[in-house]
Amino acid sequence: MNVDHARALVIGFGRSGRAAASFIQKQGGGVRVVDRSDTPELRAALQAAGVEGRLGGYSEADLDGRDLVVVSPGVPWDLPLVGAARRRGIAVTSEMDLFFRFCPAPIAGITGTNGKTTTTALTADVFAAGGLRVIRGGNIGETVLDRLDQVTAASWMVLELSSFQLESVDQPRLRIGAILNVSQNHLDRHLTFERYREIKARAIAFMTPQDAAILNADDPSYEYFRARTRGRALPFSTRRADLDGAVLRDGWLTVAGTRVLPAAEVPLPGEHNMSNVLAAVAAGHAAGVPPDRMRAAVLAFKGLEHRLELVGTFHGVRWYNDSKATTPDSTSRALEAFREPIILIAGGRNKGMDLDPLARVIAQRAAALVAMGETGDELVQRVRAHGLVRAERADDLEDAVRRAAHAASLGSVVVLSPAFASYDMFTDFEDRGRRFKAAVRAEVGA
């Protein structure tokens, strides 16, 4: 794909769209932007980038005079405007697709329904501890196309890859590719679990036998993914010590039979985080990082904001911010991470999932539920139907924190783990998490 002097239409002007626009401009191309939103921030960003654009909507006429269309991750790949571009013979790409086409470095990519961001960050740290030059980015919130000039053949790119990004890359060839797990998610966009899983498989579908496919042997889709790659399968598991991969064996994290560190030293809570660490260790092994360097990286890793992040202990109650938990499965994993009584704050915008399985888990694991957002009323009803009487609806986040503080007793934990998207009440999960932390400190921090 030749982007030199391209006349591009960028659909969506968030982080990814801005990186793509900047890259195309550097290649001598011209950029026009369209976005359904129309905010002062977007208008200021357009002016700062020096590109023309139309905010508040778009039409097929926006394709006139264009020979390239760049689709942002939040824009459906089957958007009618994108279909119209294809019918006109206009090339369709994305920021991540352009990066894969032009990146000179080997790429390690991490995908899955849950745990991507934590595993991506830890994998980058493991690589760096091994003396490798690392640049990380992707769905972790760090764009990559606008940093292409920092990348050399001697670098390693470590990318978090969402299903939206994988869908938009023509041939996502990864030297090291990890699929952490798959459960129902984004069905409002992908429609079926089978289609969603098929898109995740693209992370390993274009490998050669010299590449490493890091696969979760504890996940029900393990054999499905093994059958869809030519790469060398390197399994990881918290439950199957007999595998030749990254496993828990006799209380140690081991890889290829070599001990890395005792499981008791892993600084992140919960079995799901142990699984994430094993995946990062498997990636480090595939990249040639010595075990002692991997151990040092794991011990130094303190976790990430919004991912079971400890806000603080106030009046004998620990408060955790797990705002990144935007799926029922991720909230279920958070509930499994604690043995103390849990006061759960959950709710948000549903993405096409049935609430009943989550409600059953909440009723089994939580001592109380405070629900909010668009799913709040239904979640309370479903949880009560499964036997948890202490379930109530909050008007907003601040009210949820007040109610949770009232419900919490000495030695319990309060966990914001919403299970749903944030867009009904907040800008994004980061906005939700930071406002939660502020509300906690205002309510109980004194």
Protein backbone atom coordinates (compact mmCIF):
# COMPACT_ATOMS: atom_id res chain seq x y z
CA MET A 1 0.00 0.00 0.00
CA ASN A 2 1.51 3.31 -1.08
CA VAL A 3 0.58 6.21 1.21
CA ASP A 4 2.96 8.75 -0.29
CA HIS A 5 0.94 11.80 -1.30
CA ALA A 6 -2.30 9.93 -0.49
CA ARG A 7 -5.55 11.85 -0.26
CA ALA A 8 -6.93 10.25 2.88
CA LEU A 9 -10.24 10.35 4.68
CA VAL A 10 -9.79 9.57 8.38
CA ILE A 11 -13.01 8.34 10.02
CA GLY A 12 -12.91 9.09 13.74
CA PHE A 13 -10.48 11.58 15.28
CA GLY A 14 -9.55 10.00 18.61
CA ARG A 15 -6.00 9.01 19.51
CA SER A 16 -5.69 6.49 16.69
CA GLY A 17 -7.17 8.78 14.04
CA ARG A 18 -4.86 11.60 15.05
CA ALA A 19 -1.80 9.34 14.84
CA ALA A 20 -2.85 8.16 11.38
CA ALA A 21 -3.46 11.71 10.17
CA SER A 22 -0.04 12.81 11.40
CA PHE A 23 1.67 9.86 9.69
CA ILE A 24 -0.03 10.50 6.35
CA GLN A 25 0.84 14.17 6.49
CA LYS A 26 4.50 13.25 7.05
CA GLN A 27 4.34 11.17 3.86
CA GLY A 28 3.24 14.24 1.93
CA GLY A 29 -0.42 13.26 1.92
CA GLY A 30 -3.53 15.32 2.41
CA VAL A 31 -5.99 14.50 5.18
CA ARG A 32 -9.67 15.12 5.66
CA VAL A 33 -11.38 14.06 8.89
CA VAL A 34 -14.97 13.12 9.66
CA ASP A 35 -16.36 12.26 13.07
CA ARG A 36 -19.89 11.72 14.37
CA SER A 37 -19.06 13.74 17.48
CA ASP A 38 -18.78 17.51 17.54
CA THR A 39 -17.08 18.86 20.65
CA PRO A 40 -14.86 21.86 21.42
CA GLU A 41 -12.01 19.44 22.11
CA LEU A 42 -12.35 17.83 18.67
CA ARG A 43 -12.50 21.21 16.96
CA ALA A 44 -9.34 22.32 18.79
CA ALA A 45 -7.60 19.07 17.84
CA LEU A 46 -8.47 19.55 14.16
CA GLN A 47 -7.11 23.08 14.24
CA ALA A 48 -3.92 22.00 16.01
CA ALA A 49 -3.35 19.22 13.48
CA GLY A 50 -3.92 21.56 10.57
CA VAL A 51 -6.41 19.27 8.83
CA GLU A 52 -9.81 19.97 7.38
CA GLY A 53 -12.76 18.10 8.73
CA ARG A 54 -16.47 17.74 9.19
CA LEU A 55 -17.81 17.00 12.65
CA GLY A 56 -21.24 15.85 13.69
CA GLY A 57 -21.72 13.27 10.92
CA TYR A 58 -20.62 12.15 7.47
CA SER A 59 -21.95 11.00 4.13
CA GLU A 60 -20.74 9.22 1.01
CA ALA A 61 -19.88 12.60 -0.50
CA ASP A 62 -16.97 12.76 1.96
CA LEU A 63 -15.28 10.07 -0.16
CA ASP A 64 -15.07 12.34 -3.20
CA GLY A 65 -11.48 12.99 -4.18
CA ARG A 66 -10.13 10.43 -1.69
CA ASP A 67 -7.92 7.45 -2.57
CA LEU A 68 -7.44 6.12 0.98
CA VAL A 69 -9.78 5.64 3.93
CA VAL A 70 -8.41 5.18 7.46
CA VAL A 71 -10.87 3.65 9.92
CA SER A 72 -10.40 4.26 13.66
CA PRO A 73 -10.84 1.31 16.09
CA GLY A 74 -14.13 2.59 17.49
CA VAL A 75 -15.67 2.74 14.01
CA PRO A 76 -17.41 -0.48 12.84
CA TRP A 77 -15.48 -2.22 10.08
CA ASP A 78 -18.77 -2.73 8.22
CA LEU A 79 -19.87 0.91 8.47
CA PRO A 80 -21.87 1.82 5.33
CA LEU A 81 -19.39 4.61 4.54
CA VAL A 82 -16.55 2.06 4.62
CA GLY A 83 -18.54 -0.27 2.37
CA ALA A 84 -19.11 2.58 -0.06
CA ALA A 85 -15.36 3.23 -0.14
CA ARG A 86 -14.67 -0.41 -1.02
CA ARG A 87 -17.26 -0.34 -3.80
CA ARG A 88 -15.52 2.69 -5.26
CA GLY A 89 -12.19 0.85 -5.20
CA ILE A 90 -10.75 3.09 -2.48
CA ALA A 91 -8.15 1.38 -0.27
CA VAL A 92 -9.33 0.92 3.33
CA THR A 93 -6.86 0.71 6.20
CA SER A 94 -6.36 1.61 9.87
CA GLU A 95 -3.64 3.04 12.09
CA MET A 96 -2.69 -0.48 13.23
CA ASP A 97 -2.76 -1.89 9.69
CA LEU A 98 -0.41 0.87 8.50
CA PHE A 99 1.87 0.18 11.44
CA PHE A 100 2.11 -3.53 10.64
CA ARG A 101 2.89 -2.68 7.01
CA PHE A 102 5.71 -0.26 7.80
CA CYS A 103 7.15 -1.49 11.13
CA PRO A 104 10.77 -2.71 10.72
CA ALA A 105 10.86 -4.39 14.15
CA PRO A 106 9.62 -7.81 15.26
CA ILE A 107 6.25 -7.51 16.98
CA ALA A 108 4.99 -9.26 20.10
CA GLY A 109 1.22 -8.91 20.40
CA ILE A 110 -1.11 -9.69 23.29
CA THR A 111 -4.85 -10.13 22.88
CA GLY A 112 -7.72 -11.74 24.75
CA THR A 113 -10.91 -10.70 26.48
CA ASN A 114 -9.33 -9.98 29.85
CA GLY A 115 -5.86 -9.19 31.13
CA LYS A 116 -4.45 -7.66 27.94
CA THR A 117 -3.23 -4.39 29.40
CA THR A 118 -1.57 -5.88 32.49
CA THR A 119 0.11 -8.62 30.44
CA THR A 120 1.25 -6.16 27.75
CA ALA A 121 2.83 -3.85 30.32
CA LEU A 122 4.52 -6.73 32.15
CA THR A 123 5.75 -8.30 28.90
CA ALA A 124 7.36 -4.99 27.92
CA ASP A 125 9.04 -4.85 31.34
CA VAL A 126 10.25 -8.45 31.01
CA PHE A 127 11.75 -7.72 27.59
CA ALA A 128 13.43 -4.56 28.88
CA ALA A 129 14.83 -6.41 31.90
CA GLY A 130 16.41 -8.83 29.42
CA GLY A 131 18.28 -5.99 27.74
CA LEU A 132 15.99 -5.70 24.74
CA ARG A 133 15.04 -2.30 23.32
CA VAL A 134 11.27 -2.14 23.72
CA ILE A 135 8.51 0.17 22.58
CA ARG A 136 5.00 -0.67 23.72
CA GLY A 137 1.67 0.57 22.46
CA GLY A 138 -1.65 -0.26 20.85
CA ASN A 139 -4.87 -0.68 22.80
CA ILE A 140 -2.95 -0.01 26.03
CA GLY A 141 -3.59 3.66 25.20
CA GLU A 142 -0.33 4.49 23.46
CA THR A 143 -0.50 5.05 19.70
CA VAL A 144 2.29 3.60 17.59
CA LEU A 145 2.08 4.94 14.04
CA ASP A 146 3.17 8.41 15.14
CA ARG A 147 6.25 6.83 16.81
CA LEU A 148 7.36 4.79 13.82
CA ASP A 149 10.49 6.92 13.44
CA GLN A 150 11.66 5.61 16.84
CA VAL A 151 11.47 1.98 15.72
CA THR A 152 14.41 0.08 14.27
CA ALA A 153 15.01 -3.52 13.24
CA ALA A 154 16.85 -3.94 16.55
CA SER A 155 13.75 -2.97 18.55
CA TRP A 156 10.90 -5.08 19.84
CA MET A 157 7.36 -3.73 19.56
CA VAL A 158 5.05 -4.99 22.30
CA LEU A 159 1.43 -4.33 21.39
CA GLU A 160 -1.90 -4.78 23.13
CA LEU A 161 -4.32 -5.73 20.36
CA SER A 162 -8.09 -5.44 20.67
CA SER A 163 -10.53 -7.34 18.45
CA PHE A 164 -11.30 -4.03 16.72
CA GLN A 165 -7.62 -3.58 15.85
CA LEU A 166 -7.08 -7.19 14.75
CA GLU A 167 -10.13 -6.97 12.52
CA SER A 168 -8.65 -3.96 10.73
CA VAL A 169 -5.18 -5.40 9.98
CA ASP A 170 -4.84 -7.16 6.64
CA GLN A 171 -2.15 -9.61 7.81
CA PRO A 172 -1.18 -9.20 11.49
CA ARG A 173 2.09 -11.15 11.45
CA LEU A 174 3.40 -11.52 14.99
CA ARG A 175 6.75 -13.02 15.94
CA ILE A 176 5.32 -13.68 19.40
CA GLY A 177 1.55 -13.73 19.80
CA ALA A 178 -0.39 -14.38 23.01
CA ILE A 179 -4.11 -15.09 23.29
CA LEU A 180 -4.90 -14.89 26.99
CA ASN A 181 -8.54 -16.03 27.04
CA VAL A 182 -11.82 -15.51 25.21
CA SER A 183 -15.30 -15.02 26.59
CA GLN A 184 -18.35 -13.24 25.23
CA ASN A 185 -17.62 -9.57 24.56
CA HIS A 186 -18.39 -6.88 21.99
CA LEU A 187 -21.34 -8.85 20.67
CA ASP A 188 -23.00 -5.53 19.86
CA ARG A 189 -20.33 -5.20 17.15
CA HIS A 190 -19.24 -8.75 16.25
CA LEU A 191 -22.75 -10.25 16.71
CA THR A 192 -21.66 -13.79 17.61
CA PHE A 193 -19.08 -15.33 19.91
CA GLU A 194 -17.82 -17.43 17.00
CA ARG A 195 -17.05 -14.33 14.95
CA TYR A 196 -15.39 -12.65 17.94
CA ARG A 197 -13.18 -15.70 18.54
CA GLU A 198 -12.32 -15.93 14.86
CA ILE A 199 -11.07 -12.33 14.96
CA LYS A 200 -8.94 -13.07 18.04
CA ALA A 201 -7.39 -16.02 16.17
CA ARG A 202 -5.97 -13.56 13.63
CA ALA A 203 -3.25 -12.82 16.20
CA ILE A 204 -1.69 -16.23 15.45
CA ALA A 205 -3.13 -17.06 12.03
CA PHE A 206 -0.30 -15.53 9.97
CA MET A 207 2.63 -17.03 11.84
CA THR A 208 5.46 -19.13 10.45
CA PRO A 209 6.93 -22.15 12.29
CA GLN A 210 9.65 -19.83 13.65
CA ASP A 211 7.08 -17.74 15.51
CA ALA A 212 5.70 -18.46 19.01
CA ALA A 213 1.98 -18.78 19.75
CA ILE A 214 1.43 -18.36 23.49
CA LEU A 215 -1.90 -19.98 24.36
CA ASN A 216 -3.87 -20.45 27.56
CA ALA A 217 -4.26 -24.19 28.16
CA ASP A 218 -6.88 -23.45 30.85
CA ASP A 219 -9.16 -21.67 28.37
CA PRO A 220 -11.94 -23.67 26.67
CA SER A 221 -10.77 -22.37 23.27
CA TYR A 222 -7.20 -23.64 23.67
CA GLU A 223 -7.48 -26.44 21.09
CA TYR A 224 -9.38 -24.14 18.71
CA PHE A 225 -6.48 -21.72 18.67
CA ARG A 226 -3.80 -24.42 18.48
CA ALA A 227 -5.42 -25.68 15.29
CA ARG A 228 -5.32 -22.22 13.72
CA THR A 229 -1.63 -21.43 13.80
CA ARG A 230 1.53 -22.65 12.12
CA GLY A 231 3.53 -21.07 14.93
CA ARG A 232 5.22 -23.05 17.68
CA ALA A 233 2.64 -23.45 20.44
CA LEU A 234 3.89 -22.43 23.89
CA PRO A 235 1.10 -23.10 26.41
CA PHE A 236 0.70 -21.48 29.80
CA SER A 237 -1.42 -22.76 32.66
CA THR A 238 -2.09 -22.29 36.36
CA ARG A 239 -3.62 -25.78 36.60
CA ARG A 240 -1.67 -28.17 34.34
CA ALA A 241 1.81 -28.66 35.73
CA ASP A 242 2.57 -31.43 33.22
CA LEU A 243 2.71 -29.09 30.20
CA ASP A 244 5.97 -28.09 28.55
CA GLY A 245 5.39 -24.36 28.73
CA ALA A 246 4.92 -21.73 31.43
CA VAL A 247 3.19 -23.41 34.36
CA LEU A 248 2.85 -23.56 38.13
CA ARG A 249 4.84 -26.53 39.40
CA ASP A 250 5.54 -27.32 43.06
CA GLY A 251 4.80 -23.72 44.07
CA TRP A 252 7.05 -22.19 41.40
CA LEU A 253 6.43 -20.40 38.13
CA THR A 254 8.43 -22.44 35.65
CA VAL A 255 9.02 -22.15 31.92
CA ALA A 256 10.36 -25.00 29.80
CA GLY A 257 11.16 -26.83 33.04
CA THR A 258 13.23 -23.97 34.52
CA ARG A 259 12.17 -22.24 37.72
CA VAL A 260 11.59 -18.48 37.43
CA LEU A 261 10.23 -17.43 40.84
CA PRO A 262 8.06 -18.76 43.68
CA ALA A 263 4.34 -18.20 43.13
CA ALA A 264 4.11 -16.63 46.58
CA GLU A 265 6.36 -13.77 45.40
CA VAL A 266 4.05 -12.67 42.56
CA PRO A 267 2.92 -9.17 43.63
CA LEU A 268 -0.48 -9.18 41.87
CA PRO A 269 -3.61 -10.69 43.50
CA GLY A 270 -5.77 -13.45 42.07
CA GLU A 271 -5.43 -16.52 39.87
CA HIS A 272 -6.20 -14.45 36.77
CA ASN A 273 -3.13 -12.31 37.45
CA MET A 274 -1.02 -15.45 37.98
CA SER A 275 -2.17 -16.50 34.51
CA ASN A 276 -1.19 -13.09 33.12
CA VAL A 277 2.27 -13.37 34.67
CA LEU A 278 2.75 -16.85 33.18
CA ALA A 279 1.83 -15.49 29.74
CA ALA A 280 4.40 -12.69 30.11
CA VAL A 281 7.02 -15.20 31.25
CA ALA A 282 6.25 -17.39 28.23
CA ALA A 283 6.69 -14.35 25.97
CA GLY A 284 9.97 -13.52 27.67
CA HIS A 285 11.19 -17.08 27.18
CA ALA A 286 10.26 -16.93 23.49
CA ALA A 287 12.29 -13.70 23.18
CA GLY A 288 15.32 -15.23 24.92
CA VAL A 289 15.11 -13.38 28.25
CA PRO A 290 17.01 -15.25 31.03
CA PRO A 291 14.88 -16.50 33.98
CA ASP A 292 16.64 -14.32 36.56
CA ARG A 293 15.86 -11.19 34.51
CA MET A 294 12.22 -12.25 34.19
CA ARG A 295 12.03 -12.75 37.95
CA ALA A 296 13.39 -9.25 38.55
CA ALA A 297 10.81 -7.73 36.20
CA VAL A 298 7.90 -9.55 37.85
CA LEU A 299 9.00 -8.59 41.36
CA ALA A 300 9.30 -4.92 40.35
CA PHE A 301 5.89 -4.81 38.66
CA LYS A 302 3.33 -2.93 40.74
CA GLY A 303 0.28 -3.32 38.52
CA LEU A 304 -1.56 -0.65 36.56
CA GLU A 305 -4.07 2.03 37.31
CA HIS A 306 -7.71 0.85 37.12
CA ARG A 307 -6.80 -2.86 37.30
CA LEU A 308 -7.46 -4.06 40.85
CA GLU A 309 -5.61 -0.94 41.92
CA LEU A 310 -5.54 -0.47 45.69
CA VAL A 311 -6.96 2.98 46.42
CA GLY A 312 -6.25 2.68 50.13
CA THR A 313 -7.33 1.22 53.46
CA PHE A 314 -9.75 3.43 55.36
CA HIS A 315 -11.30 2.56 58.74
CA GLY A 316 -10.35 -1.08 58.35
CA VAL A 317 -11.78 -1.47 54.83
CA ARG A 318 -9.68 -1.84 51.66
CA TRP A 319 -10.94 -0.07 48.53
CA TYR A 320 -10.00 -1.23 45.00
CA ASN A 321 -10.39 0.45 41.64
CA ASP A 322 -10.98 -2.14 38.89
CA SER A 323 -12.64 0.22 36.42
CA LYS A 324 -10.94 -1.53 33.48
CA ALA A 325 -13.24 -4.51 34.14
CA THR A 326 -15.65 -3.82 31.29
CA THR A 327 -16.92 -7.39 30.82
CA PRO A 328 -18.83 -9.75 33.14
CA ASP A 329 -15.98 -12.25 32.92
CA SER A 330 -13.39 -9.71 34.12
CA THR A 331 -15.60 -8.83 37.10
CA SER A 332 -16.01 -12.53 37.89
CA ARG A 333 -12.22 -12.81 37.99
CA ALA A 334 -11.98 -9.83 40.32
CA LEU A 335 -14.50 -11.44 42.68
CA GLU A 336 -12.39 -14.61 42.71
CA ALA A 337 -9.28 -12.64 43.74
CA PHE A 338 -10.49 -11.98 47.32
CA ARG A 339 -11.37 -14.15 50.30
CA GLU A 340 -12.65 -11.26 52.41
CA PRO A 341 -16.31 -10.14 52.31
CA ILE A 342 -16.75 -8.10 49.11
CA ILE A 343 -18.92 -5.04 48.61
CA LEU A 344 -19.16 -4.79 44.82
CA ILE A 345 -19.92 -1.62 42.87
CA ALA A 346 -20.93 -2.57 39.33
CA GLY A 347 -23.01 -1.52 36.34
CA GLY A 348 -22.73 0.49 33.15
CA ARG A 349 -23.59 0.13 29.48
CA ASN A 350 -24.24 -3.40 28.26
CA LYS A 351 -22.56 -4.63 25.07
CA GLY A 352 -25.06 -7.35 24.23
CA MET A 353 -24.40 -9.81 27.08
CA ASP A 354 -26.91 -11.75 29.17
CA LEU A 355 -26.74 -10.44 32.74
CA ASP A 356 -27.88 -13.64 34.43
CA PRO A 357 -24.54 -15.53 34.58
CA LEU A 358 -22.86 -12.48 36.13
CA ALA A 359 -25.73 -12.04 38.60
CA ARG A 360 -25.30 -15.65 39.71
CA VAL A 361 -21.58 -15.15 40.36
CA ILE A 362 -22.19 -11.91 42.26
CA ALA A 363 -24.78 -13.60 44.45
CA GLN A 364 -22.31 -16.40 45.23
CA ARG A 365 -19.18 -14.31 45.86
CA ALA A 366 -20.24 -10.83 47.05
CA ALA A 367 -21.54 -9.84 50.46
CA ALA A 368 -23.39 -6.88 48.95
CA LEU A 369 -23.95 -5.17 45.60
CA VAL A 370 -24.32 -1.49 44.82
CA ALA A 371 -25.38 -1.14 41.16
CA MET A 372 -25.38 1.95 38.96
CA GLY A 373 -25.70 3.00 35.35
CA GLU A 374 -27.94 1.71 32.57
CA THR A 375 -27.75 -1.89 33.80
CA GLY A 376 -28.23 -0.97 37.45
CA ASP A 377 -31.92 -1.80 37.91
CA GLU A 378 -31.77 -5.08 36.02
CA LEU A 379 -28.58 -6.15 37.80
CA VAL A 380 -30.18 -5.57 41.22
CA GLN A 381 -33.25 -7.59 40.21
CA ARG A 382 -31.20 -10.47 38.80
CA VAL A 383 -28.87 -10.63 41.82
CA ARG A 384 -31.78 -10.64 44.26
CA ALA A 385 -33.39 -13.42 42.25
CA HIS A 386 -30.24 -15.47 42.85
CA GLY A 387 -30.48 -14.95 46.61
CA LEU A 388 -28.35 -11.90 47.45
CA VAL A 389 -30.71 -9.67 49.44
CA ARG A 390 -28.15 -6.90 50.01
CA ALA A 391 -28.39 -5.41 46.53
CA GLU A 392 -29.35 -1.79 45.95
CA ARG A 393 -29.41 0.84 43.24
CA ALA A 394 -27.31 4.02 43.41
CA ASP A 395 -28.14 7.27 41.65
CA ASP A 396 -24.56 7.99 40.60
CA LEU A 397 -20.96 7.12 41.44
CA GLU A 398 -20.76 9.30 44.52
CA ASP A 399 -23.98 7.77 45.84
CA ALA A 400 -22.57 4.30 45.11
CA VAL A 401 -19.48 5.07 47.19
CA ARG A 402 -21.64 6.33 50.08
CA ARG A 403 -23.82 3.22 50.00
CA ALA A 404 -20.79 0.92 49.76
CA ALA A 405 -19.13 2.63 52.73
CA HIS A 406 -22.31 2.11 54.75
CA ALA A 407 -22.47 -1.57 53.77
CA ALA A 408 -18.78 -2.32 54.46
CA SER A 409 -17.67 -3.79 57.78
CA LEU A 410 -14.24 -4.07 59.38
CA GLY A 411 -12.03 -6.40 57.33
CA SER A 412 -14.10 -6.28 54.16
CA VAL A 413 -13.13 -4.95 50.73
CA VAL A 414 -15.01 -2.57 48.44
CA VAL A 415 -14.33 -3.18 44.76
CA LEU A 416 -15.41 -1.04 41.83
CA SER A 417 -15.48 -3.70 39.09
CA PRO A 418 -18.25 -2.52 36.77
CA ALA A 419 -18.51 -5.45 34.28
CA PHE A 420 -19.80 -3.04 31.65
CA ALA A 421 -18.66 -0.16 29.49
CA SER A 422 -18.44 3.33 30.97
CA TYR A 423 -20.02 5.40 28.21
CA ASP A 424 -23.43 5.73 29.84
CA MET A 425 -22.01 7.94 32.61
CA PHE A 426 -18.33 8.66 31.90
CA THR A 427 -15.92 9.59 29.12
CA ASP A 428 -14.12 6.24 29.40
CA PHE A 429 -13.06 3.67 32.00
CA GLU A 430 -10.15 5.91 33.05
CA ASP A 431 -12.51 8.78 33.81
CA ARG A 432 -14.71 6.39 35.78
CA GLY A 433 -11.76 5.03 37.77
CA ARG A 434 -10.29 8.41 38.64
CA ARG A 435 -13.65 9.80 39.69
CA PHE A 436 -14.16 6.72 41.85
CA LYS A 437 -10.84 7.28 43.61
CA ALA A 438 -11.70 10.91 44.22
CA ALA A 439 -15.12 9.96 45.57
CA VAL A 440 -13.59 7.36 47.92
CA ARG A 441 -11.09 9.83 49.34
CA ALA A 442 -13.80 12.46 49.74
CA GLU A 443 -16.17 10.03 51.48
CA VAL A 444 -13.90 7.93 53.72
CA GLY A 445 -10.35 9.23 53.27
CA ALA A 446 -10.42 11.81 56.03
